[in-house]
Protein backbone atom coordinates (compact mmCIF):
# COMPACT_ATOMS: atom_id res chain seq x y z
CA UNK A 1 -6.66 15.86 -18.28
CA UNK A 2 -7.67 17.42 -14.97
CA UNK A 3 -10.98 15.57 -14.92
CA UNK A 4 -9.15 12.28 -15.43
CA UNK A 5 -6.70 13.25 -12.67
CA UNK A 6 -9.55 14.02 -10.27
CA UNK A 7 -11.36 10.72 -10.86
CA UNK A 8 -8.10 8.79 -10.54
CA UNK A 9 -7.18 10.62 -7.35
CA UNK A 10 -10.41 9.50 -5.69
CA UNK A 11 -9.47 5.86 -6.30
CA UNK A 12 -5.89 6.41 -5.17
CA UNK A 13 -7.03 8.03 -1.91
CA UNK A 14 -9.32 5.08 -1.19
CA UNK A 15 -6.47 2.64 -1.80
CA UNK A 16 -4.06 4.61 0.38
CA UNK A 17 -6.51 4.92 3.26
CA UNK A 18 -7.27 1.18 3.35
CA UNK A 19 -5.13 -1.27 5.38
CA UNK A 20 -1.99 -2.55 3.70
CA UNK A 21 1.78 -3.00 4.05
CA UNK A 22 2.35 0.76 3.76
CA UNK A 23 0.17 1.42 6.80
CA UNK A 24 1.88 -1.35 8.75
CA UNK A 25 5.32 0.14 8.07
CA UNK A 26 4.27 3.66 9.03
CA UNK A 27 2.34 2.62 12.14
CA UNK A 28 4.96 0.21 13.51
CA UNK A 29 7.79 2.75 13.31
CA UNK A 30 5.61 5.58 14.63
CA UNK A 31 4.56 3.45 17.60
CA UNK A 32 8.18 2.63 18.46
CA UNK A 33 10.07 5.82 17.67
CA UNK A 34 7.55 8.61 17.38
CA UNK A 35 6.40 11.10 14.80
CA UNK A 36 9.77 12.04 13.24
CA UNK A 37 10.75 8.49 12.29
CA UNK A 38 7.21 7.72 11.15
CA UNK A 39 7.26 10.73 8.84
CA UNK A 40 10.56 9.58 7.32
CA UNK A 41 8.88 6.27 6.52
CA UNK A 42 6.06 8.27 4.94
CA UNK A 43 8.61 10.14 2.84
CA UNK A 44 10.02 6.84 1.58
CA UNK A 45 6.56 5.54 0.72
CA UNK A 46 5.69 8.69 -1.21
CA UNK A 47 9.00 8.61 -3.09
CA UNK A 48 8.32 5.02 -4.09
CA UNK A 49 5.06 6.17 -5.64
CA UNK A 50 7.03 8.32 -8.07
CA UNK A 51 8.99 5.25 -9.16
CA UNK A 52 5.81 3.28 -9.84
CA UNK A 53 4.27 6.20 -11.72
CA UNK A 54 7.34 6.31 -13.96
CA UNK A 55 7.29 2.54 -14.49
CA UNK A 56 3.60 2.43 -15.36
CA UNK A 57 3.77 5.47 -17.63
CA UNK A 58 6.67 4.22 -19.74
CA UNK A 59 6.62 0.46 -19.44
CA UNK A 60 4.30 -1.51 -17.23
CA UNK A 61 1.08 -0.55 -18.97
CA UNK A 62 2.56 -1.61 -22.32
CA UNK A 63 3.78 -4.92 -20.88
CA UNK A 64 0.37 -5.70 -19.46
CA UNK A 65 -1.26 -4.87 -22.77
CA UNK A 66 1.12 -7.07 -24.77
CA UNK A 67 1.16 -9.90 -22.23
CA UNK A 68 -2.25 -10.07 -20.52
CA UNK A 69 -1.22 -13.04 -18.39
CA UNK A 70 1.30 -10.81 -16.62
CA UNK A 71 -1.64 -9.20 -14.85
CA UNK A 72 -3.03 -12.64 -14.04
CA UNK A 73 0.28 -13.65 -12.47
CA UNK A 74 0.38 -10.42 -10.47
CA UNK A 75 -3.12 -11.09 -9.17
CA UNK A 76 -2.25 -14.64 -8.10
CA UNK A 77 1.02 -13.68 -6.42
CA UNK A 78 -0.38 -10.52 -4.83
CA UNK A 79 -3.54 -12.27 -3.65
CA UNK A 80 -1.55 -15.10 -2.10
CA UNK A 81 0.69 -12.62 -0.32
CA UNK A 82 -2.24 -10.70 1.14
CA UNK A 83 -3.88 -13.94 2.27
CA UNK A 84 -0.66 -14.84 4.07
CA UNK A 85 -0.70 -11.47 5.84
CA UNK A 86 -4.35 -12.07 6.75
CA UNK A 87 -3.50 -15.49 8.17
CA UNK A 88 -0.69 -14.06 10.31
CA UNK A 89 -2.85 -11.22 11.61
CA UNK A 90 -5.81 -13.46 12.50
CA UNK A 91 -3.55 -16.09 14.05
CA UNK A 92 -1.88 -13.45 16.21
CA UNK A 93 -5.27 -12.11 17.28
CA UNK A 94 -6.59 -15.57 18.20
CA UNK A 95 -3.44 -16.25 20.20
CA UNK A 96 -3.67 -12.78 21.74
CA UNK A 97 -0.18 -12.05 20.46
CA UNK A 98 1.14 -8.89 18.79
CA UNK A 99 0.30 -9.03 15.10
CA UNK A 100 1.27 -7.14 12.00
CA UNK A 101 0.93 -3.64 13.43
CA UNK A 102 3.22 -3.41 16.42
CA UNK A 103 6.12 -1.29 17.52
CA UNK A 104 9.23 -1.93 15.45
CA UNK A 105 11.84 -3.75 17.53
CA UNK A 106 15.04 -2.30 16.13
CA UNK A 107 15.76 1.45 16.31
CA UNK A 108 16.04 3.11 12.91
CA UNK A 109 17.99 6.15 11.81
CA UNK A 110 16.21 8.70 9.66
CA UNK A 111 17.83 7.24 6.55
CA UNK A 112 16.87 3.69 7.52
CA UNK A 113 13.29 4.76 8.17
CA UNK A 114 13.13 6.40 4.74
CA UNK A 115 14.59 3.30 3.09
CA UNK A 116 12.08 1.06 4.87
CA UNK A 117 9.15 3.06 3.52
CA UNK A 118 10.66 3.17 0.04
CA UNK A 119 11.27 -0.59 -0.13
CA UNK A 120 7.87 -1.45 1.35
CA UNK A 121 6.16 0.58 -1.37
CA UNK A 122 8.25 -0.92 -4.18
CA UNK A 123 7.57 -4.51 -3.00
CA UNK A 124 3.90 -3.93 -2.13
CA UNK A 125 1.67 -5.93 -4.54
CA UNK A 126 -1.22 -3.61 -3.71
CA UNK A 127 0.84 -0.67 -5.00
CA UNK A 128 1.68 -2.56 -8.19
CA UNK A 129 -2.00 -3.24 -8.86
CA UNK A 130 -3.02 0.32 -8.02
CA UNK A 131 -0.50 2.01 -10.30
CA UNK A 132 -1.17 -0.46 -13.11
CA UNK A 133 -4.86 0.42 -12.84
CA UNK A 134 -4.02 4.13 -12.70
CA UNK A 135 -1.95 3.94 -15.87
CA UNK A 136 -4.57 1.90 -17.70
CA UNK A 137 -7.31 4.39 -16.81
CA UNK A 138 -5.26 7.47 -17.72
CA UNK A 139 -4.09 6.01 -21.02
CA UNK A 140 -7.69 5.07 -21.74
CA UNK A 141 -8.64 8.71 -21.16
CA UNK A 142 -6.30 9.68 -24.01
CA UNK A 143 -3.36 10.96 -21.97
CA UNK A 144 0.22 10.74 -23.21
CA UNK A 145 2.95 8.91 -21.22
CA UNK A 146 4.33 12.22 -19.92
CA UNK A 147 0.90 13.25 -18.66
CA UNK A 148 0.44 9.85 -17.00
CA UNK A 149 3.79 10.25 -15.26
CA UNK A 150 2.82 13.72 -14.04
CA UNK A 151 0.06 12.11 -12.01
CA UNK A 152 2.83 10.58 -9.89
CA UNK A 153 3.48 13.76 -7.87
CA UNK A 154 -0.28 14.08 -7.29
CA UNK A 155 -0.38 10.55 -5.87
CA UNK A 156 2.77 11.20 -3.84
CA UNK A 157 1.28 14.32 -2.23
CA UNK A 158 -1.90 12.44 -1.34
CA UNK A 159 0.28 9.71 0.17
CA UNK A 160 2.08 12.29 2.29
CA UNK A 161 -1.27 13.52 3.57
CA UNK A 162 -2.86 10.11 4.25
CA UNK A 163 0.15 8.28 5.69
CA UNK A 164 1.40 11.43 7.42
CA UNK A 165 -1.88 11.51 9.33
CA UNK A 166 -1.37 7.88 10.31
CA UNK A 167 2.18 8.67 11.48
CA UNK A 168 0.98 11.51 13.70
CA UNK A 169 -1.88 9.47 15.17
CA UNK A 170 0.21 6.40 15.97
CA UNK A 171 2.99 8.50 17.50
CA UNK A 172 0.69 9.92 20.19
CA UNK A 173 0.30 8.37 23.59
CA UNK A 174 -3.44 8.10 23.13
CA UNK A 175 -3.12 6.12 19.91
CA UNK A 176 -0.49 3.87 21.48
CA UNK A 177 -2.65 3.12 24.51
CA UNK A 178 -5.74 2.63 22.38
CA UNK A 179 -3.99 0.22 20.07
CA UNK A 180 -2.55 -1.69 23.01
CA UNK A 181 -6.01 -2.05 24.50
CA UNK A 182 -7.77 -3.04 21.30
CA UNK A 183 -4.85 -4.64 19.41
CA UNK A 184 -6.56 -8.02 19.19
CA UNK A 185 -9.69 -6.61 17.57
CA UNK A 186 -7.69 -4.31 15.32
CA UNK A 187 -5.67 -7.30 14.11
CA UNK A 188 -8.87 -9.22 13.40
CA UNK A 189 -10.20 -6.28 11.39
CA UNK A 190 -7.01 -5.93 9.38
CA UNK A 191 -6.86 -9.68 8.87
CA UNK A 192 -10.39 -9.68 7.52
CA UNK A 193 -9.58 -6.77 5.20
CA UNK A 194 -6.43 -8.46 3.90
CA UNK A 195 -8.32 -11.72 3.47
CA UNK A 196 -11.10 -10.09 1.48
CA UNK A 197 -8.73 -8.22 -0.81
CA UNK A 198 -6.33 -11.14 -1.23
CA UNK A 199 -9.15 -13.60 -1.85
CA UNK A 200 -10.65 -11.34 -4.52
CA UNK A 201 -7.30 -10.95 -6.29
CA UNK A 202 -6.56 -14.66 -6.15
CA UNK A 203 -10.07 -15.57 -7.34
CA UNK A 204 -9.83 -13.21 -10.29
CA UNK A 205 -6.41 -14.53 -11.22
CA UNK A 206 -7.43 -18.20 -11.07
CA UNK A 207 -10.64 -17.49 -12.97
CA UNK A 208 -8.65 -15.92 -15.80
CA UNK A 209 -6.60 -19.11 -16.13
CA UNK A 210 -9.69 -21.15 -16.92
CA UNK A 211 -10.25 -21.87 -20.63
């Protein structure tokens, strides 16, 4: 079990460290309101991971196995969504306008910041794909549903570490000034990353629809 956990954790860390809606939520609030609010967003994101671990352990993996085209639909929808984010980020960069990662406009209470992180994680197609893959791998390693669910706290702790680091960095004056100076290039980089990931998901989904 622990070997399967370790191998899965490596993949989860890579997914968490890469650009995505979770990072945007954490960074935008941290830029606007500082470390405390950013960390509450992080808490919401990590809590959402526990929900997905429960869903995949006791339901989602079975649904995907019984209805393979559910995964195809998720790839098409998720890929299209990421391509839309890529388009918005690249367009903002070309126009030299603020893009996806920018200071949140409205002030948030601690509870609102937590809820934002929680909802972003639950509606993040990248998170759906990641936890579906996690469940599939762990079940394939011979683990029981309860053991698969127990990986959820492991993923949540890694999320606290990864996104907590982002919250601290983006809440500092140095990070704020650096982002302001290089925002256009950062947006182009994130747009390219979203485009690559979204294009791959969409391509895989469309390819699976072919007879």
